[in-house]
C-alpha atoms as a PDB file:
ATOM      1  CA  UNK A   1     112.217 113.347  99.187  1.00  0.00           C
ATOM      2  CA  UNK A   2     110.211 110.139  99.498  1.00  0.00           C
ATOM      3  CA  UNK A   3     109.576 108.246  96.275  1.00  0.00           C
ATOM      4  CA  UNK A   4     105.926 107.285  96.672  1.00  0.00           C
ATOM      5  CA  UNK A   5     106.114 104.964  93.655  1.00  0.00           C
ATOM      6  CA  UNK A   6     108.958 102.835  94.993  1.00  0.00           C
ATOM      7  CA  UNK A   7     108.131  99.333  96.093  1.00  0.00           C
ATOM      8  CA  UNK A   8     109.419  98.118  99.423  1.00  0.00           C
ATOM      9  CA  UNK A   9     110.099  94.509 100.317  1.00  0.00           C
ATOM     10  CA  UNK A  10     108.845  93.142 103.642  1.00  0.00           C
ATOM     11  CA  UNK A  11     109.742  89.965 105.474  1.00  0.00           C
ATOM     12  CA  UNK A  12     106.601  88.594 107.126  1.00  0.00           C
ATOM     13  CA  UNK A  13     106.967  85.580 109.408  1.00  0.00           C
ATOM     14  CA  UNK A  14     103.961  83.445 110.352  1.00  0.00           C
ATOM     15  CA  UNK A  15     103.668  80.474 112.681  1.00  0.00           C
ATOM     16  CA  UNK A  16     103.507  77.054 111.059  1.00  0.00           C
ATOM     17  CA  UNK A  17     104.270  75.786 107.581  1.00  0.00           C
ATOM     18  CA  UNK A  18     101.792  77.119 105.060  1.00  0.00           C
ATOM     19  CA  UNK A  19     100.709  74.459 102.606  1.00  0.00           C
ATOM     20  CA  UNK A  20     100.669  75.129  98.893  1.00  0.00           C
ATOM     21  CA  UNK A  21      96.893  75.766  99.057  1.00  0.00           C
ATOM     22  CA  UNK A  22      97.646  79.133 100.665  1.00  0.00           C
ATOM     23  CA  UNK A  23     100.170  80.218  98.072  1.00  0.00           C
ATOM     24  CA  UNK A  24      97.560  81.556  95.664  1.00  0.00           C
ATOM     25  CA  UNK A  25      96.166  83.768  98.458  1.00  0.00           C
ATOM     26  CA  UNK A  26      99.486  85.598  98.501  1.00  0.00           C
ATOM     27  CA  UNK A  27     100.016  85.993  94.774  1.00  0.00           C
ATOM     28  CA  UNK A  28     103.215  87.900  94.103  1.00  0.00           C
ATOM     29  CA  UNK A  29     104.775  86.987  97.438  1.00  0.00           C
ATOM     30  CA  UNK A  30     107.506  84.402  97.835  1.00  0.00           C
ATOM     31  CA  UNK A  31     106.752  81.845 100.555  1.00  0.00           C
ATOM     32  CA  UNK A  32     109.661  80.048 102.175  1.00  0.00           C
ATOM     33  CA  UNK A  33     108.682  77.261 104.591  1.00  0.00           C
ATOM     34  CA  UNK A  34     110.952  76.589 107.564  1.00  0.00           C
ATOM     35  CA  UNK A  35     110.684  74.285 110.552  1.00  0.00           C
ATOM     36  CA  UNK A  36     107.801  75.687 112.583  1.00  0.00           C
ATOM     37  CA  UNK A  37     107.230  78.858 110.560  1.00  0.00           C
ATOM     38  CA  UNK A  38     106.910  80.307 107.063  1.00  0.00           C
ATOM     39  CA  UNK A  39     108.518  83.477 105.772  1.00  0.00           C
ATOM     40  CA  UNK A  40     106.690  85.545 103.166  1.00  0.00           C
ATOM     41  CA  UNK A  41     108.748  87.992 101.109  1.00  0.00           C
ATOM     42  CA  UNK A  42     106.411  90.567  99.614  1.00  0.00           C
ATOM     43  CA  UNK A  43     106.986  93.705  97.542  1.00  0.00           C
ATOM     44  CA  UNK A  44     104.368  96.280  98.435  1.00  0.00           C
ATOM     45  CA  UNK A  45     103.657  99.656  96.890  1.00  0.00           C
ATOM     46  CA  UNK A  46     102.340 101.367 100.015  1.00  0.00           C
ATOM     47  CA  UNK A  47     101.077 100.768 103.532  1.00  0.00           C
ATOM     48  CA  UNK A  48      97.562 100.187 102.262  1.00  0.00           C
ATOM     49  CA  UNK A  49      98.757  97.154 100.310  1.00  0.00           C
ATOM     50  CA  UNK A  50     100.758  95.946 103.329  1.00  0.00           C
ATOM     51  CA  UNK A  51      97.695  96.212 105.572  1.00  0.00           C
ATOM     52  CA  UNK A  52      95.669  94.313 102.981  1.00  0.00           C
ATOM     53  CA  UNK A  53      98.187  91.483 103.097  1.00  0.00           C
ATOM     54  CA  UNK A  54      98.162  91.465 106.903  1.00  0.00           C
ATOM     55  CA  UNK A  55      94.348  91.475 106.927  1.00  0.00           C
ATOM     56  CA  UNK A  56      94.358  88.461 104.602  1.00  0.00           C
ATOM     57  CA  UNK A  57      96.582  86.610 107.085  1.00  0.00           C
ATOM     58  CA  UNK A  58      94.172  87.511 109.894  1.00  0.00           C
ATOM     59  CA  UNK A  59      91.120  86.455 107.883  1.00  0.00           C
ATOM     60  CA  UNK A  60      92.702  83.056 107.192  1.00  0.00           C
ATOM     61  CA  UNK A  61      93.468  82.598 110.890  1.00  0.00           C
ATOM     62  CA  UNK A  62      97.231  82.549 110.326  1.00  0.00           C
ATOM     63  CA  UNK A  63      99.247  83.631 113.362  1.00  0.00           C
ATOM     64  CA  UNK A  64     101.572  86.544 112.662  1.00  0.00           C
ATOM     65  CA  UNK A  65     105.020  86.374 114.275  1.00  0.00           C
ATOM     66  CA  UNK A  66     106.772  89.435 112.833  1.00  0.00           C
ATOM     67  CA  UNK A  67     106.758  92.042 110.073  1.00  0.00           C
ATOM     68  CA  UNK A  68     110.002  93.740 109.117  1.00  0.00           C
ATOM     69  CA  UNK A  69     111.197  95.798 106.190  1.00  0.00           C
ATOM     70  CA  UNK A  70     113.744  93.703 104.313  1.00  0.00           C
ATOM     71  CA  UNK A  71     117.319  94.867 104.349  1.00  0.00           C
ATOM     72  CA  UNK A  72     118.086  97.361 101.594  1.00  0.00           C
ATOM     73  CA  UNK A  73     120.007  95.906  98.675  1.00  0.00           C
ATOM     74  CA  UNK A  74     122.013  97.465  95.906  1.00  0.00           C
ATOM     75  CA  UNK A  75     119.551  96.129  93.334  1.00  0.00           C
ATOM     76  CA  UNK A  76     121.630  93.084  92.549  1.00  0.00           C
ATOM     77  CA  UNK A  77     119.080  90.690  94.007  1.00  0.00           C
END
């Protein structure tokens, strides 16, 4: 049975380094800048919330590289 109340973590990679001015647009997500790209780690409740986050990236003109469910953990993280 699917637990519809469980959050799922996604790894979202975008092109370029997002400056700190964007961080408030992704409240609740962890942004990790790398050379040439930024990784957002976001816990989402459902696909609607995920699509909202992706739409925000689009609206800000940020190029999406990839979206992947984060590897399952044992809860220790």
